Amino acid sequence: MAVFGLFFITGVDLSSLDGGYRLGILFGVGTAVFYSAYILFLKSTMNHQEVSGVSAMFVVAITFASIFSIITPVTGSSFIILDATSFWALAGAGVVCTTIS
């Protein structure tokens, strides 16, 4: 259904779109694939009694923190939180997306 919605928004001829739009579509589809794999990984680990949900979340968090710790300096980005507003936005997103939902 999401792919059909994508075609309704962008049209069937993706070659007529600007490179930025195509890159955005690629990132969106990649995000969907990785998020689906994440959900399936968590579901399969929750079905096994040997592995707790906390352990599975820890593995996921450490894995992606490791990946981002490599990608961030390579791309010239920084881990520095610039101001209090940015900090509270990150903290709020972390609490809402990780803890509550």
Protein backbone atom coordinates (compact mmCIF):
# COMPACT_ATOMS: atom_id res chain seq x y z
CA MET A 1 0.00 0.00 0.00
CA ALA A 2 2.87 2.38 0.80
CA VAL A 3 4.45 1.76 -2.61
CA PHE A 4 1.14 2.55 -4.34
CA GLY A 5 0.94 5.77 -2.30
CA LEU A 6 4.46 6.60 -3.39
CA PHE A 7 3.46 6.19 -7.04
CA PHE A 8 0.42 8.41 -6.50
CA ILE A 9 2.64 11.15 -5.05
CA THR A 10 5.60 10.94 -7.45
CA GLY A 11 4.04 9.41 -10.55
CA VAL A 12 5.10 6.26 -12.30
CA ASP A 13 8.00 7.83 -14.22
CA LEU A 14 10.70 8.14 -11.55
CA SER A 15 13.31 9.15 -14.13
CA SER A 16 11.55 12.50 -14.57
CA LEU A 17 12.17 13.38 -10.92
CA ASP A 18 15.10 15.41 -9.65
CA GLY A 19 18.02 13.47 -8.14
CA GLY A 20 17.15 14.70 -4.65
CA TYR A 21 13.66 13.25 -4.89
CA ARG A 22 14.97 9.91 -6.12
CA LEU A 23 17.50 9.83 -3.27
CA GLY A 24 14.70 10.61 -0.81
CA ILE A 25 12.62 7.75 -2.20
CA LEU A 26 15.61 5.44 -1.92
CA PHE A 27 16.18 6.45 1.70
CA GLY A 28 12.47 6.01 2.45
CA VAL A 29 12.37 2.51 1.00
CA GLY A 30 15.63 1.63 2.78
CA THR A 31 14.21 2.91 6.04
CA ALA A 32 11.11 0.75 5.57
CA VAL A 33 13.24 -2.33 4.90
CA PHE A 34 15.48 -1.80 7.93
CA TYR A 35 12.57 -0.96 10.22
CA SER A 36 10.76 -4.11 9.08
CA ALA A 37 13.87 -6.18 9.78
CA TYR A 38 14.12 -4.53 13.21
CA ILE A 39 10.52 -5.40 14.06
CA LEU A 40 10.95 -9.00 12.83
CA PHE A 41 14.18 -9.35 14.83
CA LEU A 42 12.48 -8.15 18.00
CA LYS A 43 9.47 -10.38 17.45
CA SER A 44 11.62 -13.46 16.91
CA THR A 45 13.70 -12.75 19.99
CA MET A 46 10.61 -12.16 22.12
CA ASN A 47 9.29 -15.60 21.12
CA HIS A 48 12.36 -17.31 22.59
CA GLN A 49 12.47 -17.61 26.35
CA GLU A 50 16.29 -17.47 26.50
CA VAL A 51 16.43 -13.89 25.31
CA SER A 52 14.62 -11.08 27.09
CA GLY A 53 13.26 -8.00 25.37
CA VAL A 54 15.74 -5.85 27.28
CA SER A 55 18.66 -7.89 25.94
CA ALA A 56 17.35 -7.64 22.38
CA MET A 57 16.90 -3.87 22.66
CA PHE A 58 20.41 -3.59 24.10
CA VAL A 59 21.90 -5.45 21.13
CA VAL A 60 20.01 -3.24 18.68
CA ALA A 61 21.03 -0.04 20.49
CA ILE A 62 24.71 -1.00 20.70
CA THR A 63 24.78 -2.12 17.07
CA PHE A 64 23.34 1.12 15.71
CA ALA A 65 25.37 3.28 18.11
CA SER A 66 28.49 1.56 16.76
CA ILE A 67 27.43 2.12 13.17
CA PHE A 68 26.64 5.80 13.79
CA SER A 69 29.91 6.31 15.68
CA ILE A 70 31.71 5.32 12.49
CA ILE A 71 29.46 7.14 10.01
CA THR A 72 29.27 10.46 11.87
CA PRO A 73 32.97 11.43 11.74
CA VAL A 74 33.38 10.08 8.20
CA THR A 75 30.62 12.38 6.92
CA GLY A 76 32.05 15.38 8.78
CA SER A 77 29.16 15.57 11.23
CA SER A 78 29.42 15.99 14.96
CA PHE A 79 27.90 14.48 18.10
CA ILE A 80 27.76 17.88 19.78
CA ILE A 81 24.32 18.99 21.00
CA LEU A 82 24.25 22.70 20.21
CA ASP A 83 21.70 24.06 22.66
CA ALA A 84 19.13 23.16 25.32
CA THR A 85 16.29 23.11 22.80
CA SER A 86 18.09 20.46 20.73
CA PHE A 87 18.81 18.45 23.87
CA TRP A 88 15.18 18.47 24.99
CA ALA A 89 13.99 17.59 21.47
CA LEU A 90 16.33 14.59 21.42
CA ALA A 91 15.37 13.56 24.95
CA GLY A 92 11.66 13.87 24.15
CA ALA A 93 12.01 11.85 20.97
CA GLY A 94 13.96 9.20 22.86
CA VAL A 95 11.36 8.94 25.60
CA VAL A 96 8.36 8.93 23.28
CA CYS A 97 9.80 6.65 20.58
CA THR A 98 11.64 4.22 22.81
CA THR A 99 9.95 4.13 26.17
CA ILE A 100 6.29 4.95 25.70
CA SER A 101 5.57 3.45 22.30
